[in-house]
Amino acid sequence: MARNENPPFERGTTFYGGATIDANDLGGANLEGQEFEFEDLVTATIGSTKIARSGHKVRCRVVRNAGSAAILPKTITGFTTSTTAGTYGTKATGTVTAGGVGYPVDEQLPAAGVPVGDLFYVVVGGPALISPASGGWTVTIAANDVLSALVNKAVTNVLPSGGFVVGRACSGAATSSTGDITAFIGR
């Protein structure tokens, strides 16, 4: 973790912050993989003040969108596989392979998500919101359930409490809940 350093950009924003990204000259390579701690705040505000949610710290890692499309907030993403030493956990794909490890994308990002090539945060420790896919949750997700990747699932959504595949959080027995869940990402 970057000790006693201020984060290079705030949660809910990206490195480029909407500026044009030159794929041939990507800035911020020195930030990839660095981790920073933030207060756990809800995305809503009262006036211009953000509201505290849990009193916990949220540890976030700076990663680059190395996928082929925007990566959306509150989804789960995996990292690219690389044989170059020291590069694992620095580039996100926007997908998670069966048996792979995934991390929640910063819930405070705008709905359009992170453009290809931009830097953003994933949560590697502490509370994080995960959204259901369209149609809502279909499995009960209990406290302390483990998220793990499913094999041979014919959907492209994240499935907590039985595993997950690529995309947004959802699940498998009937419930009418459509709200976000808070997952506590442990280390």
N, C-alpha and C. Protein backbone atom coordinates (compact mmCIF):
# COMPACT_ATOMS: atom_id res chain seq x y z
N MET A 1 0.85 -1.17 0.00
CA MET A 1 0.00 0.00 0.00
C MET A 1 0.89 1.22 0.00
N ALA A 2 0.45 2.26 -0.68
CA ALA A 2 1.19 3.51 -0.72
C ALA A 2 1.08 4.17 0.65
N ARG A 3 2.14 4.16 1.40
CA ARG A 3 2.11 4.64 2.77
C ARG A 3 2.17 6.16 2.82
N ASN A 4 1.24 6.73 3.58
CA ASN A 4 1.20 8.18 3.82
C ASN A 4 1.15 9.01 2.55
N GLU A 5 0.61 8.44 1.50
CA GLU A 5 0.47 9.20 0.26
C GLU A 5 -0.99 9.52 0.03
N ASN A 6 -1.23 10.65 -0.60
CA ASN A 6 -2.58 10.97 -1.02
C ASN A 6 -2.89 10.19 -2.29
N PRO A 7 -4.12 9.71 -2.44
CA PRO A 7 -4.46 8.99 -3.66
C PRO A 7 -4.33 9.91 -4.88
N PRO A 8 -3.98 9.33 -6.03
CA PRO A 8 -3.79 10.14 -7.24
C PRO A 8 -5.09 10.72 -7.79
N PHE A 9 -6.24 10.09 -7.44
CA PHE A 9 -7.56 10.59 -7.81
C PHE A 9 -8.53 10.02 -6.80
N GLU A 10 -9.68 10.64 -6.65
CA GLU A 10 -10.67 10.23 -5.65
C GLU A 10 -11.51 9.06 -6.15
N ARG A 11 -12.10 8.33 -5.21
CA ARG A 11 -13.07 7.31 -5.61
C ARG A 11 -14.20 7.99 -6.36
N GLY A 12 -14.79 7.28 -7.29
CA GLY A 12 -15.87 7.86 -8.08
C GLY A 12 -15.36 8.61 -9.30
N THR A 13 -14.04 8.70 -9.43
CA THR A 13 -13.43 9.34 -10.60
C THR A 13 -12.40 8.37 -11.18
N THR A 14 -11.83 8.74 -12.31
CA THR A 14 -10.78 7.95 -12.93
C THR A 14 -9.55 8.82 -13.13
N PHE A 15 -8.46 8.22 -13.51
CA PHE A 15 -7.20 8.96 -13.73
C PHE A 15 -7.39 10.04 -14.79
N TYR A 16 -7.99 9.69 -15.91
CA TYR A 16 -8.16 10.65 -17.00
C TYR A 16 -9.34 11.60 -16.76
N GLY A 17 -10.28 11.19 -15.95
CA GLY A 17 -11.40 12.07 -15.61
C GLY A 17 -12.17 12.60 -16.79
N GLY A 18 -12.31 11.81 -17.84
CA GLY A 18 -13.06 12.22 -19.02
C GLY A 18 -12.21 12.81 -20.13
N ALA A 19 -10.93 13.06 -19.86
CA ALA A 19 -10.04 13.58 -20.90
C ALA A 19 -9.77 12.49 -21.94
N THR A 20 -9.30 12.90 -23.10
CA THR A 20 -9.00 11.97 -24.19
C THR A 20 -7.88 11.03 -23.79
N ILE A 21 -8.06 9.75 -24.10
CA ILE A 21 -7.06 8.73 -23.78
C ILE A 21 -6.34 8.33 -25.06
N ASP A 22 -5.02 8.50 -25.07
CA ASP A 22 -4.19 8.10 -26.21
C ASP A 22 -3.70 6.68 -25.94
N ALA A 23 -4.26 5.71 -26.63
CA ALA A 23 -3.91 4.30 -26.41
C ALA A 23 -2.44 4.02 -26.68
N ASN A 24 -1.77 4.88 -27.43
CA ASN A 24 -0.35 4.69 -27.73
C ASN A 24 0.56 5.34 -26.70
N ASP A 25 -0.01 6.11 -25.79
CA ASP A 25 0.78 6.82 -24.77
C ASP A 25 -0.04 6.93 -23.49
N LEU A 26 -0.25 5.79 -22.83
CA LEU A 26 -1.08 5.75 -21.63
C LEU A 26 -0.33 6.33 -20.43
N GLY A 27 -0.94 7.28 -19.76
CA GLY A 27 -0.34 7.87 -18.57
C GLY A 27 -0.66 7.06 -17.33
N GLY A 28 0.10 7.28 -16.27
CA GLY A 28 -0.19 6.69 -14.97
C GLY A 28 0.30 5.27 -14.76
N ALA A 29 1.18 4.76 -15.63
CA ALA A 29 1.66 3.39 -15.48
C ALA A 29 2.31 3.17 -14.11
N ASN A 30 2.92 4.20 -13.56
CA ASN A 30 3.56 4.10 -12.24
C ASN A 30 2.55 3.91 -11.10
N LEU A 31 1.27 4.18 -11.36
CA LEU A 31 0.23 4.05 -10.34
C LEU A 31 -0.40 2.66 -10.32
N GLU A 32 -0.29 1.92 -11.41
CA GLU A 32 -0.93 0.61 -11.52
C GLU A 32 -0.48 -0.32 -10.40
N GLY A 33 -1.46 -0.88 -9.69
CA GLY A 33 -1.17 -1.81 -8.61
C GLY A 33 -1.01 -1.17 -7.24
N GLN A 34 -0.89 0.15 -7.17
CA GLN A 34 -0.78 0.81 -5.87
C GLN A 34 -2.11 0.74 -5.13
N GLU A 35 -2.06 0.65 -3.82
CA GLU A 35 -3.26 0.56 -3.01
C GLU A 35 -3.36 1.75 -2.06
N PHE A 36 -4.60 2.20 -1.86
CA PHE A 36 -4.88 3.35 -1.00
C PHE A 36 -6.09 3.03 -0.14
N GLU A 37 -6.16 3.63 1.03
CA GLU A 37 -7.31 3.44 1.91
C GLU A 37 -8.18 4.68 1.90
N PHE A 38 -9.50 4.44 1.90
CA PHE A 38 -10.49 5.50 1.90
C PHE A 38 -11.49 5.24 3.02
N GLU A 39 -12.16 6.28 3.46
CA GLU A 39 -13.28 6.12 4.38
C GLU A 39 -14.41 5.45 3.61
N ASP A 40 -15.21 4.62 4.29
CA ASP A 40 -16.35 3.98 3.65
C ASP A 40 -17.51 4.96 3.63
N LEU A 41 -17.76 5.54 2.48
CA LEU A 41 -18.81 6.55 2.32
C LEU A 41 -19.85 6.04 1.33
N VAL A 42 -21.11 6.42 1.54
CA VAL A 42 -22.14 6.07 0.57
C VAL A 42 -22.02 7.01 -0.62
N THR A 43 -22.57 6.58 -1.74
CA THR A 43 -22.45 7.40 -2.94
C THR A 43 -23.34 8.64 -2.88
N ALA A 44 -24.43 8.56 -2.10
CA ALA A 44 -25.32 9.71 -1.97
C ALA A 44 -24.67 10.78 -1.09
N THR A 45 -25.12 11.99 -1.22
CA THR A 45 -24.60 13.08 -0.40
C THR A 45 -25.74 13.87 0.20
N ILE A 46 -25.45 14.57 1.27
CA ILE A 46 -26.37 15.56 1.84
C ILE A 46 -25.72 16.90 1.55
N GLY A 47 -26.33 17.65 0.66
CA GLY A 47 -25.68 18.88 0.21
C GLY A 47 -24.42 18.50 -0.54
N SER A 48 -23.27 18.95 -0.08
CA SER A 48 -22.01 18.58 -0.71
C SER A 48 -21.20 17.62 0.17
N THR A 49 -21.82 17.11 1.25
CA THR A 49 -21.13 16.23 2.19
C THR A 49 -21.49 14.78 1.94
N LYS A 50 -20.48 13.93 1.78
CA LYS A 50 -20.73 12.50 1.65
C LYS A 50 -21.03 11.91 3.02
N ILE A 51 -21.84 10.88 3.05
CA ILE A 51 -22.31 10.28 4.29
C ILE A 51 -21.49 9.03 4.61
N ALA A 52 -21.06 8.91 5.87
CA ALA A 52 -20.33 7.71 6.29
C ALA A 52 -21.28 6.52 6.29
N ARG A 53 -20.77 5.34 5.88
CA ARG A 53 -21.62 4.15 5.82
C ARG A 53 -21.33 3.19 6.97
N SER A 54 -20.08 2.77 7.16
CA SER A 54 -19.83 1.69 8.12
C SER A 54 -18.81 1.99 9.19
N GLY A 55 -18.00 2.99 9.01
CA GLY A 55 -16.91 3.24 9.94
C GLY A 55 -15.66 2.44 9.60
N HIS A 56 -15.75 1.56 8.60
CA HIS A 56 -14.60 0.78 8.17
C HIS A 56 -13.80 1.57 7.13
N LYS A 57 -12.57 1.15 6.92
CA LYS A 57 -11.77 1.66 5.80
C LYS A 57 -12.01 0.75 4.61
N VAL A 58 -11.86 1.30 3.42
CA VAL A 58 -11.97 0.53 2.18
C VAL A 58 -10.61 0.62 1.50
N ARG A 59 -9.99 -0.54 1.27
CA ARG A 59 -8.69 -0.56 0.59
C ARG A 59 -8.96 -0.77 -0.89
N CYS A 60 -8.44 0.14 -1.70
CA CYS A 60 -8.66 0.10 -3.14
C CYS A 60 -7.33 0.02 -3.87
N ARG A 61 -7.34 -0.70 -4.99
CA ARG A 61 -6.15 -0.83 -5.84
C ARG A 61 -6.40 -0.10 -7.16
N VAL A 62 -5.40 0.62 -7.63
CA VAL A 62 -5.46 1.28 -8.92
C VAL A 62 -5.18 0.23 -10.00
N VAL A 63 -6.11 0.10 -10.94
CA VAL A 63 -5.94 -0.82 -12.06
C VAL A 63 -6.33 -0.12 -13.36
N ARG A 64 -5.84 -0.64 -14.46
CA ARG A 64 -6.17 -0.08 -15.77
C ARG A 64 -7.19 -0.96 -16.46
N ASN A 65 -8.15 -0.33 -17.15
CA ASN A 65 -9.10 -1.09 -17.95
C ASN A 65 -8.37 -1.55 -19.21
N ALA A 66 -7.97 -2.83 -19.20
CA ALA A 66 -7.28 -3.42 -20.34
C ALA A 66 -8.23 -4.28 -21.16
N GLY A 67 -9.53 -4.16 -20.89
CA GLY A 67 -10.54 -4.90 -21.64
C GLY A 67 -10.86 -4.23 -22.96
N SER A 68 -11.94 -4.66 -23.57
CA SER A 68 -12.33 -4.12 -24.88
C SER A 68 -13.57 -3.24 -24.80
N ALA A 69 -14.11 -3.02 -23.59
CA ALA A 69 -15.30 -2.19 -23.40
C ALA A 69 -15.22 -1.51 -22.03
N ALA A 70 -16.11 -0.55 -21.82
CA ALA A 70 -16.17 0.13 -20.52
C ALA A 70 -16.47 -0.90 -19.43
N ILE A 71 -15.87 -0.70 -18.26
CA ILE A 71 -16.12 -1.54 -17.09
C ILE A 71 -17.05 -0.74 -16.18
N LEU A 72 -18.18 -1.34 -15.80
CA LEU A 72 -19.22 -0.63 -15.07
C LEU A 72 -19.02 -0.70 -13.56
N PRO A 73 -19.50 0.32 -12.83
CA PRO A 73 -19.40 0.31 -11.38
C PRO A 73 -20.24 -0.82 -10.78
N LYS A 74 -19.86 -1.28 -9.59
CA LYS A 74 -20.57 -2.30 -8.82
C LYS A 74 -20.56 -3.67 -9.48
N THR A 75 -19.75 -3.87 -10.53
CA THR A 75 -19.61 -5.18 -11.14
C THR A 75 -18.35 -5.84 -10.56
N ILE A 76 -18.09 -7.05 -10.99
CA ILE A 76 -16.90 -7.78 -10.56
C ILE A 76 -15.97 -7.90 -11.75
N THR A 77 -14.68 -7.64 -11.54
CA THR A 77 -13.71 -7.78 -12.61
C THR A 77 -12.54 -8.62 -12.15
N GLY A 78 -11.95 -9.31 -13.11
CA GLY A 78 -10.72 -10.05 -12.85
C GLY A 78 -9.56 -9.29 -13.45
N PHE A 79 -8.37 -9.84 -13.28
CA PHE A 79 -7.16 -9.22 -13.81
C PHE A 79 -6.68 -9.98 -15.03
N THR A 80 -5.91 -9.30 -15.86
CA THR A 80 -5.30 -9.97 -17.00
C THR A 80 -4.25 -10.94 -16.48
N THR A 81 -4.03 -12.00 -17.21
CA THR A 81 -2.95 -12.91 -16.85
C THR A 81 -1.72 -12.45 -17.61
N SER A 82 -0.63 -12.37 -16.91
CA SER A 82 0.61 -11.89 -17.53
C SER A 82 1.77 -12.71 -17.00
N THR A 83 2.73 -12.96 -17.84
CA THR A 83 3.91 -13.69 -17.41
C THR A 83 5.02 -12.73 -16.98
N THR A 84 4.77 -11.43 -17.11
CA THR A 84 5.76 -10.44 -16.70
C THR A 84 5.71 -10.27 -15.18
N ALA A 85 6.84 -10.45 -14.53
CA ALA A 85 6.90 -10.34 -13.07
C ALA A 85 6.42 -8.98 -12.60
N GLY A 86 5.62 -9.00 -11.53
CA GLY A 86 5.17 -7.75 -10.92
C GLY A 86 3.99 -7.08 -11.60
N THR A 87 3.38 -7.71 -12.61
CA THR A 87 2.28 -7.05 -13.31
C THR A 87 0.91 -7.61 -12.98
N TYR A 88 0.82 -8.78 -12.29
CA TYR A 88 -0.49 -9.31 -11.97
C TYR A 88 -1.21 -8.36 -11.01
N GLY A 89 -2.48 -8.13 -11.26
CA GLY A 89 -3.26 -7.25 -10.40
C GLY A 89 -3.13 -5.79 -10.76
N THR A 90 -2.67 -5.50 -11.97
CA THR A 90 -2.52 -4.11 -12.39
C THR A 90 -3.44 -3.73 -13.54
N LYS A 91 -3.96 -4.75 -14.25
CA LYS A 91 -4.82 -4.49 -15.41
C LYS A 91 -6.08 -5.34 -15.29
N ALA A 92 -7.23 -4.69 -15.43
CA ALA A 92 -8.53 -5.35 -15.29
C ALA A 92 -9.09 -5.69 -16.66
N THR A 93 -9.83 -6.80 -16.70
CA THR A 93 -10.42 -7.26 -17.96
C THR A 93 -11.90 -6.93 -18.09
N GLY A 94 -12.58 -6.72 -16.94
CA GLY A 94 -14.02 -6.54 -16.97
C GLY A 94 -14.74 -7.87 -16.95
N THR A 95 -13.99 -8.97 -16.91
CA THR A 95 -14.56 -10.31 -16.87
C THR A 95 -13.85 -11.13 -15.80
N VAL A 96 -14.45 -12.25 -15.44
CA VAL A 96 -13.84 -13.20 -14.51
C VAL A 96 -14.02 -14.58 -15.10
N THR A 97 -12.94 -15.33 -15.23
CA THR A 97 -13.03 -16.68 -15.77
C THR A 97 -13.43 -17.65 -14.67
N ALA A 98 -13.99 -18.78 -15.05
CA ALA A 98 -14.37 -19.81 -14.09
C ALA A 98 -13.15 -20.19 -13.26
N GLY A 99 -13.30 -20.19 -11.96
CA GLY A 99 -12.20 -20.48 -11.05
C GLY A 99 -11.31 -19.29 -10.77
N GLY A 100 -11.60 -18.15 -11.42
CA GLY A 100 -10.77 -16.97 -11.25
C GLY A 100 -11.15 -16.15 -10.04
N VAL A 101 -10.31 -15.19 -9.72
CA VAL A 101 -10.55 -14.28 -8.61
C VAL A 101 -11.07 -12.97 -9.17
N GLY A 102 -12.10 -12.41 -8.52
CA GLY A 102 -12.66 -11.15 -8.99
C GLY A 102 -12.75 -10.14 -7.87
N TYR A 103 -12.80 -8.88 -8.23
CA TYR A 103 -12.88 -7.79 -7.27
C TYR A 103 -13.98 -6.82 -7.69
N PRO A 104 -14.70 -6.24 -6.71
CA PRO A 104 -15.74 -5.26 -7.03
C PRO A 104 -15.14 -3.98 -7.60
N VAL A 105 -15.78 -3.48 -8.64
CA VAL A 105 -15.39 -2.20 -9.25
C VAL A 105 -15.96 -1.08 -8.38
N ASP A 106 -15.22 0.00 -8.25
CA ASP A 106 -15.62 1.17 -7.43
C ASP A 106 -17.08 1.52 -7.66
N GLU A 107 -17.87 1.41 -6.60
CA GLU A 107 -19.32 1.67 -6.66
C GLU A 107 -19.64 3.14 -6.90
N GLN A 108 -18.68 4.03 -6.66
CA GLN A 108 -18.95 5.46 -6.77
C GLN A 108 -18.72 6.01 -8.17
N LEU A 109 -18.28 5.16 -9.10
CA LEU A 109 -18.07 5.61 -10.48
C LEU A 109 -19.39 5.98 -11.13
N PRO A 110 -19.36 6.86 -12.14
CA PRO A 110 -20.60 7.16 -12.87
C PRO A 110 -21.10 5.92 -13.61
N ALA A 111 -22.38 5.91 -13.94
CA ALA A 111 -23.03 4.75 -14.56
C ALA A 111 -22.37 4.32 -15.87
N ALA A 112 -21.77 5.25 -16.60
CA ALA A 112 -21.13 4.91 -17.88
C ALA A 112 -19.88 4.06 -17.68
N GLY A 113 -19.32 4.06 -16.47
CA GLY A 113 -18.17 3.22 -16.17
C GLY A 113 -16.84 3.81 -16.57
N VAL A 114 -15.86 2.91 -16.73
CA VAL A 114 -14.47 3.28 -16.99
C VAL A 114 -14.12 3.01 -18.44
N PRO A 115 -13.70 4.04 -19.19
CA PRO A 115 -13.31 3.82 -20.58
C PRO A 115 -12.08 2.91 -20.69
N VAL A 116 -11.95 2.24 -21.81
CA VAL A 116 -10.78 1.41 -22.09
C VAL A 116 -9.53 2.28 -21.99
N GLY A 117 -8.53 1.78 -21.27
CA GLY A 117 -7.26 2.48 -21.13
C GLY A 117 -7.15 3.36 -19.90
N ASP A 118 -8.27 3.68 -19.24
CA ASP A 118 -8.25 4.56 -18.08
C ASP A 118 -7.93 3.77 -16.81
N LEU A 119 -7.45 4.47 -15.78
CA LEU A 119 -7.18 3.88 -14.47
C LEU A 119 -8.36 4.13 -13.56
N PHE A 120 -8.65 3.16 -12.68
CA PHE A 120 -9.75 3.27 -11.73
C PHE A 120 -9.44 2.41 -10.53
N TYR A 121 -10.36 2.35 -9.55
CA TYR A 121 -10.16 1.54 -8.35
C TYR A 121 -11.03 0.30 -8.35
N VAL A 122 -10.45 -0.80 -7.83
CA VAL A 122 -11.21 -1.97 -7.43
C VAL A 122 -11.03 -2.11 -5.93
N VAL A 123 -12.04 -2.67 -5.26
CA VAL A 123 -11.97 -2.86 -3.82
C VAL A 123 -11.26 -4.18 -3.52
N VAL A 124 -10.18 -4.12 -2.74
CA VAL A 124 -9.45 -5.33 -2.37
C VAL A 124 -9.58 -5.61 -0.88
N GLY A 125 -10.20 -4.70 -0.12
CA GLY A 125 -10.43 -4.93 1.30
C GLY A 125 -11.50 -3.99 1.83
N GLY A 126 -12.42 -4.52 2.64
CA GLY A 126 -13.46 -3.69 3.23
C GLY A 126 -14.78 -3.82 2.50
N PRO A 127 -15.77 -3.01 2.90
CA PRO A 127 -17.11 -3.10 2.30
C PRO A 127 -17.15 -2.57 0.87
N ALA A 128 -17.97 -3.22 0.04
CA ALA A 128 -18.16 -2.79 -1.35
C ALA A 128 -19.58 -3.14 -1.77
N LEU A 129 -20.21 -2.27 -2.54
CA LEU A 129 -21.54 -2.56 -3.08
C LEU A 129 -21.43 -3.34 -4.38
N ILE A 130 -22.32 -4.31 -4.54
CA ILE A 130 -22.42 -5.08 -5.77
C ILE A 130 -23.88 -5.02 -6.20
N SER A 131 -24.14 -4.77 -7.48
CA SER A 131 -25.51 -4.66 -8.00
C SER A 131 -25.98 -5.97 -8.60
N PRO A 132 -27.29 -6.22 -8.52
CA PRO A 132 -27.84 -7.39 -9.21
C PRO A 132 -27.95 -7.12 -10.70
N ALA A 133 -27.96 -8.18 -11.48
CA ALA A 133 -28.24 -8.05 -12.90
C ALA A 133 -29.71 -7.67 -13.06
N SER A 134 -30.13 -7.33 -14.27
CA SER A 134 -31.54 -7.02 -14.47
C SER A 134 -32.37 -8.23 -14.05
N GLY A 135 -33.47 -7.98 -13.37
CA GLY A 135 -34.28 -9.07 -12.86
C GLY A 135 -34.06 -9.30 -11.38
N GLY A 136 -32.99 -8.76 -10.83
CA GLY A 136 -32.77 -8.84 -9.39
C GLY A 136 -32.06 -10.09 -8.94
N TRP A 137 -31.94 -10.21 -7.63
CA TRP A 137 -31.28 -11.36 -7.01
C TRP A 137 -32.20 -12.57 -7.06
N THR A 138 -31.64 -13.74 -7.31
CA THR A 138 -32.44 -14.95 -7.30
C THR A 138 -31.89 -16.00 -6.33
N VAL A 139 -30.92 -15.64 -5.52
CA VAL A 139 -30.40 -16.54 -4.49
C VAL A 139 -30.20 -15.73 -3.23
N THR A 140 -30.46 -16.35 -2.08
CA THR A 140 -30.21 -15.68 -0.82
C THR A 140 -28.71 -15.61 -0.60
N ILE A 141 -28.22 -14.43 -0.29
CA ILE A 141 -26.80 -14.24 -0.04
C ILE A 141 -26.66 -13.91 1.43
N ALA A 142 -26.08 -14.82 2.18
CA ALA A 142 -25.96 -14.66 3.63
C ALA A 142 -24.66 -13.97 3.99
N ALA A 143 -24.62 -13.40 5.20
CA ALA A 143 -23.38 -12.81 5.70
C ALA A 143 -22.30 -13.88 5.69
N ASN A 144 -21.12 -13.49 5.30
CA ASN A 144 -19.94 -14.37 5.24
C ASN A 144 -19.96 -15.40 4.13
N ASP A 145 -20.91 -15.33 3.20
CA ASP A 145 -20.84 -16.20 2.03
C ASP A 145 -19.59 -15.85 1.23
N VAL A 146 -19.00 -16.86 0.63
CA VAL A 146 -17.80 -16.67 -0.16
C VAL A 146 -18.18 -16.54 -1.63
N LEU A 147 -17.60 -15.57 -2.32
CA LEU A 147 -17.82 -15.43 -3.76
C LEU A 147 -16.72 -16.21 -4.47
N SER A 148 -17.11 -17.12 -5.34
CA SER A 148 -16.12 -17.89 -6.09
C SER A 148 -16.65 -18.11 -7.50
N ALA A 149 -15.76 -18.39 -8.42
CA ALA A 149 -16.17 -18.48 -9.82
C ALA A 149 -16.84 -19.81 -10.12
N LEU A 150 -17.95 -19.76 -10.85
CA LEU A 150 -18.68 -20.95 -11.27
C LEU A 150 -18.09 -21.52 -12.56
N VAL A 151 -18.29 -22.79 -12.74
CA VAL A 151 -17.86 -23.45 -13.97
C VAL A 151 -19.12 -23.86 -14.74
N ASN A 152 -19.10 -23.72 -16.07
CA ASN A 152 -20.19 -24.18 -16.94
C ASN A 152 -21.54 -23.59 -16.59
N LYS A 153 -21.60 -22.31 -16.33
CA LYS A 153 -22.87 -21.64 -16.05
C LYS A 153 -23.29 -20.91 -17.32
N ALA A 154 -24.53 -21.07 -17.72
CA ALA A 154 -24.99 -20.54 -18.99
C ALA A 154 -25.51 -19.11 -18.87
N VAL A 155 -24.92 -18.32 -18.01
CA VAL A 155 -25.28 -16.91 -17.91
C VAL A 155 -24.01 -16.10 -17.90
N THR A 156 -24.16 -14.80 -18.10
CA THR A 156 -22.97 -13.94 -18.03
C THR A 156 -23.15 -12.94 -16.92
N ASN A 157 -23.53 -13.42 -15.75
CA ASN A 157 -23.72 -12.56 -14.59
C ASN A 157 -22.98 -13.11 -13.39
N VAL A 158 -22.68 -12.24 -12.45
CA VAL A 158 -21.98 -12.66 -11.25
C VAL A 158 -22.95 -13.36 -10.31
N LEU A 159 -22.56 -14.48 -9.78
CA LEU A 159 -23.44 -15.27 -8.94
C LEU A 159 -22.84 -15.47 -7.55
N PRO A 160 -23.12 -14.58 -6.59
CA PRO A 160 -22.64 -14.81 -5.24
C PRO A 160 -23.33 -16.03 -4.63
N SER A 161 -22.78 -16.57 -3.59
CA SER A 161 -23.34 -17.69 -2.82
C SER A 161 -23.51 -18.92 -3.69
N GLY A 162 -22.60 -19.24 -4.47
CA GLY A 162 -22.64 -20.38 -5.35
C GLY A 162 -21.60 -20.14 -6.40
N GLY A 163 -21.09 -18.97 -6.39
CA GLY A 163 -20.05 -18.63 -7.34
C GLY A 163 -20.44 -17.44 -8.17
N PHE A 164 -19.59 -17.07 -9.10
CA PHE A 164 -19.93 -16.00 -10.01
C PHE A 164 -19.26 -16.21 -11.34
N VAL A 165 -19.87 -15.62 -12.32
CA VAL A 165 -19.31 -15.57 -13.65
C VAL A 165 -19.21 -14.09 -13.98
N VAL A 166 -18.88 -13.75 -15.19
CA VAL A 166 -18.65 -12.38 -15.60
C VAL A 166 -19.87 -11.48 -15.45
N GLY A 167 -19.69 -10.25 -15.07
CA GLY A 167 -20.74 -9.25 -15.13
C GLY A 167 -21.21 -8.75 -13.81
N ARG A 168 -22.50 -8.50 -13.71
CA ARG A 168 -23.08 -7.94 -12.50
C ARG A 168 -23.52 -9.02 -11.54
N ALA A 169 -23.67 -8.64 -10.29
CA ALA A 169 -24.03 -9.63 -9.28
C ALA A 169 -25.48 -10.07 -9.42
N CYS A 170 -25.75 -11.33 -9.32
CA CYS A 170 -27.09 -11.92 -9.30
C CYS A 170 -26.99 -13.30 -8.67
N SER A 171 -27.98 -14.18 -8.75
CA SER A 171 -27.88 -15.50 -8.12
C SER A 171 -28.90 -16.56 -8.59
N GLY A 172 -29.28 -17.66 -7.72
CA GLY A 172 -30.11 -18.79 -8.16
C GLY A 172 -31.42 -19.28 -7.52
N ALA A 173 -31.95 -19.07 -6.25
CA ALA A 173 -33.31 -19.40 -5.75
C ALA A 173 -34.15 -18.13 -5.70
N ALA A 174 -35.46 -18.24 -5.71
CA ALA A 174 -36.32 -17.07 -5.93
C ALA A 174 -36.36 -16.09 -4.76
N THR A 175 -36.24 -14.83 -5.10
CA THR A 175 -36.45 -13.71 -4.17
C THR A 175 -36.80 -12.50 -5.01
N SER A 176 -37.48 -11.55 -4.43
CA SER A 176 -37.89 -10.39 -5.21
C SER A 176 -36.96 -9.21 -5.05
N SER A 177 -35.87 -9.39 -4.30
CA SER A 177 -34.95 -8.29 -4.02
C SER A 177 -34.24 -7.83 -5.29
N THR A 178 -34.17 -6.54 -5.48
CA THR A 178 -33.44 -6.01 -6.62
C THR A 178 -32.37 -5.00 -6.19
N GLY A 179 -32.22 -4.78 -4.89
CA GLY A 179 -31.27 -3.77 -4.43
C GLY A 179 -29.83 -4.26 -4.42
N ASP A 180 -28.91 -3.33 -4.22
CA ASP A 180 -27.50 -3.65 -4.11
C ASP A 180 -27.25 -4.42 -2.83
N ILE A 181 -26.19 -5.21 -2.80
CA ILE A 181 -25.76 -5.83 -1.55
C ILE A 181 -24.40 -5.27 -1.19
N THR A 182 -24.07 -5.30 0.08
CA THR A 182 -22.75 -4.90 0.51
C THR A 182 -21.97 -6.17 0.79
N ALA A 183 -20.87 -6.34 0.11
CA ALA A 183 -19.99 -7.48 0.35
C ALA A 183 -18.79 -6.96 1.10
N PHE A 184 -18.33 -7.68 2.11
CA PHE A 184 -17.12 -7.28 2.82
C PHE A 184 -15.98 -8.08 2.23
N ILE A 185 -15.07 -7.40 1.57
CA ILE A 185 -13.97 -8.08 0.89
C ILE A 185 -12.84 -8.23 1.90
N GLY A 186 -12.50 -9.45 2.21
CA GLY A 186 -11.47 -9.70 3.22
C GLY A 186 -10.13 -10.01 2.59
N ARG A 187 -9.12 -9.92 3.41
CA ARG A 187 -7.77 -10.26 2.99
C ARG A 187 -7.21 -11.21 3.97
